Protein backbone atom coordinates (compact mmCIF):
# COMPACT_ATOMS: atom_id res chain seq x y z
CA MET A 1 17.85 -101.30 15.94
CA VAL A 2 19.28 -101.67 12.31
CA PHE A 3 21.82 -99.35 12.13
CA ARG A 4 22.93 -99.10 15.46
CA LYS A 5 26.19 -101.00 14.89
CA LEU A 6 26.28 -98.79 11.98
CA ILE A 7 26.22 -95.24 14.22
CA SER A 8 28.30 -96.19 17.23
CA GLU A 9 30.84 -97.36 13.86
CA LEU A 10 30.68 -93.02 12.78
CA ASP A 11 30.35 -91.82 16.46
CA ILE A 12 33.88 -93.66 16.23
CA SER A 13 35.47 -92.74 13.52
CA ILE A 14 34.34 -88.98 14.20
CA ARG A 15 36.56 -89.13 17.23
CA HIS A 16 39.17 -90.50 15.11
CA ILE A 17 39.00 -87.72 12.38
CA GLN A 18 39.25 -85.24 15.66
CA VAL A 19 42.36 -87.17 17.41
CA LEU A 20 44.09 -86.36 13.22
CA LYS A 21 43.01 -82.80 12.99
CA ALA A 22 43.95 -82.05 16.55
CA VAL A 23 48.03 -83.28 14.95
CA LEU A 24 47.06 -81.99 11.55
CA GLU A 25 47.80 -78.47 12.85
CA LYS A 26 49.75 -79.37 16.30
CA GLN A 27 52.35 -81.73 14.96
CA PRO A 28 53.62 -83.67 16.89
CA ILE A 29 51.86 -83.69 19.10
CA GLY A 30 51.43 -86.57 21.74
CA ILE A 31 48.91 -88.01 23.92
CA PHE A 32 48.41 -86.23 26.80
CA LYS A 33 48.61 -83.05 25.19
CA LEU A 34 46.08 -84.58 22.88
CA SER A 35 43.84 -85.70 25.86
CA ASP A 36 44.08 -81.89 27.01
CA LEU A 37 43.48 -80.31 23.92
CA LEU A 38 40.62 -82.64 23.17
CA ASP A 39 39.11 -83.20 26.57
CA MET A 40 39.13 -86.54 25.76
CA PRO A 41 40.51 -89.53 28.14
CA LYS A 42 43.70 -91.00 26.77
CA HIS A 43 43.11 -94.96 26.38
CA ARG A 44 40.57 -93.06 23.43
CA VAL A 45 43.04 -90.64 22.34
CA ARG A 46 46.17 -93.58 22.33
CA TYR A 47 42.62 -96.08 20.55
CA SER A 48 42.81 -93.37 17.37
CA LEU A 49 46.41 -93.15 17.30
CA ARG A 50 46.48 -96.93 17.27
CA VAL A 51 44.42 -96.71 14.03
CA LEU A 52 45.33 -94.09 12.01
CA GLU A 53 49.29 -95.10 12.58
CA GLN A 54 47.85 -98.57 11.12
CA SER A 55 46.03 -96.48 8.21
CA GLY A 56 49.42 -95.21 7.66
CA ILE A 57 48.16 -92.12 8.21
CA ILE A 58 50.76 -90.89 11.16
CA VAL A 59 54.12 -91.94 12.41
CA PRO A 60 54.51 -92.35 16.54
CA THR A 61 58.12 -89.74 16.77
CA PRO A 62 59.83 -89.38 20.65
CA TYR A 63 58.51 -86.30 20.10
CA GLY A 64 54.40 -87.18 19.64
CA ALA A 65 52.50 -88.13 16.58
CA MET A 66 53.14 -86.56 13.97
CA ILE A 67 51.62 -87.05 9.67
CA ARG A 68 53.25 -89.28 7.69
CA ASP A 69 54.73 -87.86 3.90
CA GLU A 70 52.08 -90.28 2.21
CA GLY A 71 49.29 -89.82 4.48
CA TYR A 72 48.75 -86.53 3.14
CA ASP A 73 47.48 -88.59 -0.23
CA LYS A 74 45.42 -91.31 2.38
CA ILE A 75 43.73 -87.80 3.56
CA GLU A 76 42.94 -87.31 -0.11
CA ASP A 77 41.44 -90.62 -0.46
CA LEU A 78 39.53 -90.26 3.16
CA LYS A 79 37.61 -87.28 1.46
CA LYS A 80 36.88 -89.38 -1.53
CA ASP A 81 34.87 -92.05 0.45
CA ILE A 82 33.35 -89.42 2.42
CA ASP A 83 31.43 -89.59 -1.00
CA GLU A 84 30.57 -92.85 -1.57
CA LEU A 85 29.31 -92.51 2.30
CA LYS A 86 27.01 -89.63 1.19
CA ASN A 87 25.94 -91.12 -2.03
CA LEU A 88 25.22 -94.59 -0.30
CA LEU A 89 23.98 -92.85 2.67
CA GLY A 90 21.00 -91.05 0.89
CA LYS A 91 20.38 -95.04 -1.23
CA LEU A 92 19.85 -96.05 2.00
CA GLU A 93 17.47 -92.83 3.06
CA LYS A 94 15.87 -93.41 -0.42
CA MET A 95 14.72 -96.98 -0.01
CA VAL A 96 13.74 -96.57 4.05
CA ASN A 97 11.31 -93.33 2.73
CA GLU A 98 10.20 -96.21 -0.17
CA LEU A 99 8.62 -97.87 3.12
């Protein structure tokens, strides 16, 4: 259907945020520990860590992933993005309900 890809992307984004939350709470933390903690396959944890690193939120260290100093500002930006998503979803819901 029209929203299948969006739903899939949101599901992946939720996983990234779960990994980010665990890094924030347990840093420094490695892939194996994150995998066990989150009950998530290592390849998925690794992918989420890569996305978070490319986003400038975390940094890999010899001891495990840690939040970059600038990462805290980027986390605040994520919160603003959520507000924008909620607004767009509200508009979309209204339009679909009017069909």
